[in-house]
């Protein structure tokens, strides 16, 4: 694997995480409607953790970009 391929995969993972975060938020809203408040809160936390993960992935991408 080369650096360009690594950057592409990291970028893909960021999009994948964001898609999953959106899906998890939708599930959280459904759980809330069903009266599962604690499940709702945990799902929202999970979505936020995916977005925090994307911050690390973004930093990794920037480091790779500097290596040119």
N, C-alpha and C. Protein backbone atom coordinates (compact mmCIF):
# COMPACT_ATOMS: atom_id res chain seq x y z
N UNK A 1 0.85 -1.18 0.00
CA UNK A 1 0.00 0.00 0.00
C UNK A 1 0.89 1.24 0.00
N UNK A 2 0.48 2.25 -0.76
CA UNK A 2 1.23 3.50 -0.79
C UNK A 2 0.46 4.59 -0.04
N UNK A 3 1.07 5.75 0.08
CA UNK A 3 0.48 6.85 0.85
C UNK A 3 -0.83 7.33 0.24
N UNK A 4 -0.90 7.39 -1.08
CA UNK A 4 -2.13 7.86 -1.72
C UNK A 4 -3.30 6.92 -1.40
N UNK A 5 -3.03 5.63 -1.47
CA UNK A 5 -4.06 4.64 -1.15
C UNK A 5 -4.50 4.79 0.31
N UNK A 6 -3.55 5.02 1.20
CA UNK A 6 -3.86 5.21 2.61
C UNK A 6 -4.75 6.43 2.82
N UNK A 7 -4.44 7.53 2.12
CA UNK A 7 -5.27 8.73 2.22
C UNK A 7 -6.68 8.48 1.72
N UNK A 8 -6.79 7.74 0.64
CA UNK A 8 -8.11 7.42 0.08
C UNK A 8 -8.92 6.59 1.07
N UNK A 9 -8.29 5.61 1.68
CA UNK A 9 -8.99 4.76 2.63
C UNK A 9 -9.42 5.54 3.88
N UNK A 10 -8.56 6.41 4.36
CA UNK A 10 -8.92 7.23 5.52
C UNK A 10 -10.10 8.12 5.18
N UNK A 11 -10.08 8.72 4.01
CA UNK A 11 -11.19 9.57 3.59
C UNK A 11 -12.49 8.76 3.50
N UNK A 12 -12.39 7.56 2.98
CA UNK A 12 -13.55 6.68 2.88
C UNK A 12 -14.10 6.36 4.27
N UNK A 13 -13.22 6.08 5.21
CA UNK A 13 -13.66 5.77 6.57
C UNK A 13 -14.37 6.95 7.22
N UNK A 14 -13.89 8.16 6.94
CA UNK A 14 -14.57 9.34 7.49
C UNK A 14 -16.01 9.41 7.00
N UNK A 15 -16.22 9.21 5.72
CA UNK A 15 -17.58 9.23 5.16
C UNK A 15 -18.43 8.10 5.72
N UNK A 16 -17.81 6.94 5.85
CA UNK A 16 -18.50 5.78 6.39
C UNK A 16 -18.95 6.05 7.84
N UNK A 17 -18.05 6.62 8.64
CA UNK A 17 -18.39 6.96 10.02
C UNK A 17 -19.54 7.96 10.08
N UNK A 18 -19.50 8.95 9.22
CA UNK A 18 -20.56 9.97 9.23
C UNK A 18 -21.90 9.36 8.83
N UNK A 19 -21.89 8.49 7.84
CA UNK A 19 -23.13 7.81 7.45
C UNK A 19 -23.69 7.00 8.61
N UNK A 20 -22.82 6.28 9.29
CA UNK A 20 -23.28 5.49 10.43
C UNK A 20 -23.76 6.39 11.57
N UNK A 21 -23.09 7.49 11.80
CA UNK A 21 -23.52 8.42 12.85
C UNK A 21 -24.95 8.90 12.58
N UNK A 22 -25.23 9.22 11.34
CA UNK A 22 -26.58 9.67 10.97
C UNK A 22 -27.61 8.56 11.20
N UNK A 23 -27.26 7.34 10.85
CA UNK A 23 -28.16 6.20 11.05
C UNK A 23 -28.40 5.96 12.55
N UNK A 24 -27.36 6.10 13.34
CA UNK A 24 -27.48 5.89 14.78
C UNK A 24 -28.37 6.97 15.39
N UNK A 25 -28.26 8.19 14.92
CA UNK A 25 -29.11 9.27 15.42
C UNK A 25 -30.57 8.97 15.10
N UNK A 26 -30.84 8.46 13.92
CA UNK A 26 -32.20 8.07 13.56
C UNK A 26 -32.72 6.98 14.50
N UNK A 27 -31.87 6.01 14.81
CA UNK A 27 -32.26 4.96 15.75
C UNK A 27 -32.52 5.54 17.14
N UNK A 28 -31.70 6.50 17.53
CA UNK A 28 -31.88 7.14 18.84
C UNK A 28 -33.25 7.81 18.91
N UNK A 29 -33.63 8.48 17.84
CA UNK A 29 -34.93 9.15 17.81
C UNK A 29 -36.07 8.13 17.92
N UNK A 30 -35.91 7.00 17.26
CA UNK A 30 -36.93 5.94 17.34
C UNK A 30 -37.00 5.36 18.75
N UNK A 31 -35.85 5.16 19.36
CA UNK A 31 -35.82 4.65 20.73
C UNK A 31 -36.52 5.62 21.68
N UNK A 32 -36.27 6.91 21.48
CA UNK A 32 -36.91 7.93 22.32
C UNK A 32 -38.43 7.86 22.19
N UNK A 33 -38.91 7.73 20.95
CA UNK A 33 -40.36 7.64 20.72
C UNK A 33 -40.97 6.42 21.38
N UNK A 34 -40.16 5.37 21.52
CA UNK A 34 -40.64 4.14 22.16
C UNK A 34 -40.48 4.17 23.67
N UNK A 35 -39.99 5.29 24.17
CA UNK A 35 -39.86 5.46 25.62
C UNK A 35 -38.56 4.93 26.21
N UNK A 36 -37.59 4.66 25.37
CA UNK A 36 -36.29 4.13 25.82
C UNK A 36 -35.29 5.27 25.92
N UNK A 37 -35.44 6.08 26.95
CA UNK A 37 -34.61 7.27 27.09
C UNK A 37 -33.12 6.95 27.27
N UNK A 38 -32.81 5.93 28.05
CA UNK A 38 -31.42 5.60 28.28
C UNK A 38 -30.76 5.06 27.01
N UNK A 39 -31.51 4.26 26.26
CA UNK A 39 -31.02 3.76 24.97
C UNK A 39 -30.78 4.94 24.03
N UNK A 40 -31.71 5.86 24.01
CA UNK A 40 -31.59 7.08 23.20
C UNK A 40 -30.28 7.80 23.51
N UNK A 41 -30.02 8.01 24.80
CA UNK A 41 -28.83 8.73 25.20
C UNK A 41 -27.55 7.99 24.81
N UNK A 42 -27.56 6.67 24.99
CA UNK A 42 -26.38 5.88 24.63
C UNK A 42 -26.13 5.89 23.13
N UNK A 43 -27.18 5.84 22.36
CA UNK A 43 -27.03 5.90 20.90
C UNK A 43 -26.48 7.25 20.46
N UNK A 44 -26.97 8.32 21.06
CA UNK A 44 -26.44 9.64 20.72
C UNK A 44 -24.96 9.74 21.08
N UNK A 45 -24.59 9.16 22.22
CA UNK A 45 -23.19 9.15 22.62
C UNK A 45 -22.35 8.38 21.59
N UNK A 46 -22.88 7.27 21.13
CA UNK A 46 -22.18 6.47 20.13
C UNK A 46 -21.97 7.26 18.84
N UNK A 47 -22.99 7.97 18.40
CA UNK A 47 -22.87 8.79 17.19
C UNK A 47 -21.81 9.87 17.37
N UNK A 48 -21.79 10.48 18.55
CA UNK A 48 -20.80 11.52 18.82
C UNK A 48 -19.39 10.93 18.82
N UNK A 49 -19.25 9.72 19.35
CA UNK A 49 -17.93 9.08 19.37
C UNK A 49 -17.43 8.79 17.96
N UNK A 50 -18.33 8.44 17.05
CA UNK A 50 -17.91 8.26 15.66
C UNK A 50 -17.41 9.58 15.07
N UNK A 51 -18.09 10.65 15.42
CA UNK A 51 -17.68 11.96 14.90
C UNK A 51 -16.35 12.39 15.51
N UNK A 52 -16.12 12.05 16.77
CA UNK A 52 -14.83 12.34 17.38
C UNK A 52 -13.74 11.52 16.70
N UNK A 53 -14.05 10.29 16.37
CA UNK A 53 -13.11 9.44 15.63
C UNK A 53 -12.72 10.11 14.31
N UNK A 54 -13.68 10.76 13.69
CA UNK A 54 -13.38 11.44 12.42
C UNK A 54 -12.40 12.58 12.60
N UNK A 55 -12.37 13.18 13.77
CA UNK A 55 -11.39 14.24 14.04
C UNK A 55 -9.98 13.64 13.98
N UNK A 56 -9.81 12.47 14.59
CA UNK A 56 -8.50 11.80 14.54
C UNK A 56 -8.14 11.40 13.12
N UNK A 57 -9.12 10.90 12.38
CA UNK A 57 -8.86 10.54 10.98
C UNK A 57 -8.48 11.76 10.16
N UNK A 58 -9.12 12.88 10.42
CA UNK A 58 -8.80 14.13 9.72
C UNK A 58 -7.36 14.55 10.02
N UNK A 59 -6.95 14.44 11.27
CA UNK A 59 -5.58 14.79 11.65
C UNK A 59 -4.59 13.87 10.94
N UNK A 60 -4.92 12.59 10.86
CA UNK A 60 -4.04 11.65 10.16
C UNK A 60 -3.92 12.03 8.69
N UNK A 61 -5.03 12.40 8.08
CA UNK A 61 -5.00 12.83 6.67
C UNK A 61 -4.09 14.04 6.48
N UNK A 62 -4.19 14.99 7.40
CA UNK A 62 -3.38 16.20 7.29
C UNK A 62 -1.90 15.88 7.43
N UNK A 63 -1.57 14.96 8.33
CA UNK A 63 -0.17 14.55 8.47
C UNK A 63 0.35 13.92 7.18
N UNK A 64 -0.46 13.10 6.58
CA UNK A 64 -0.05 12.47 5.31
C UNK A 64 0.10 13.50 4.20
N UNK A 65 -0.74 14.51 4.20
CA UNK A 65 -0.66 15.54 3.18
C UNK A 65 0.63 16.34 3.28
N UNK A 66 1.16 16.47 4.50
CA UNK A 66 2.39 17.22 4.72
C UNK A 66 3.62 16.48 4.19
N UNK A 67 3.49 15.18 4.00
CA UNK A 67 4.64 14.36 3.59
C UNK A 67 5.00 14.50 2.13
N UNK A 68 4.32 15.28 1.38
CA UNK A 68 4.61 15.41 -0.05
C UNK A 68 5.98 15.88 -0.33
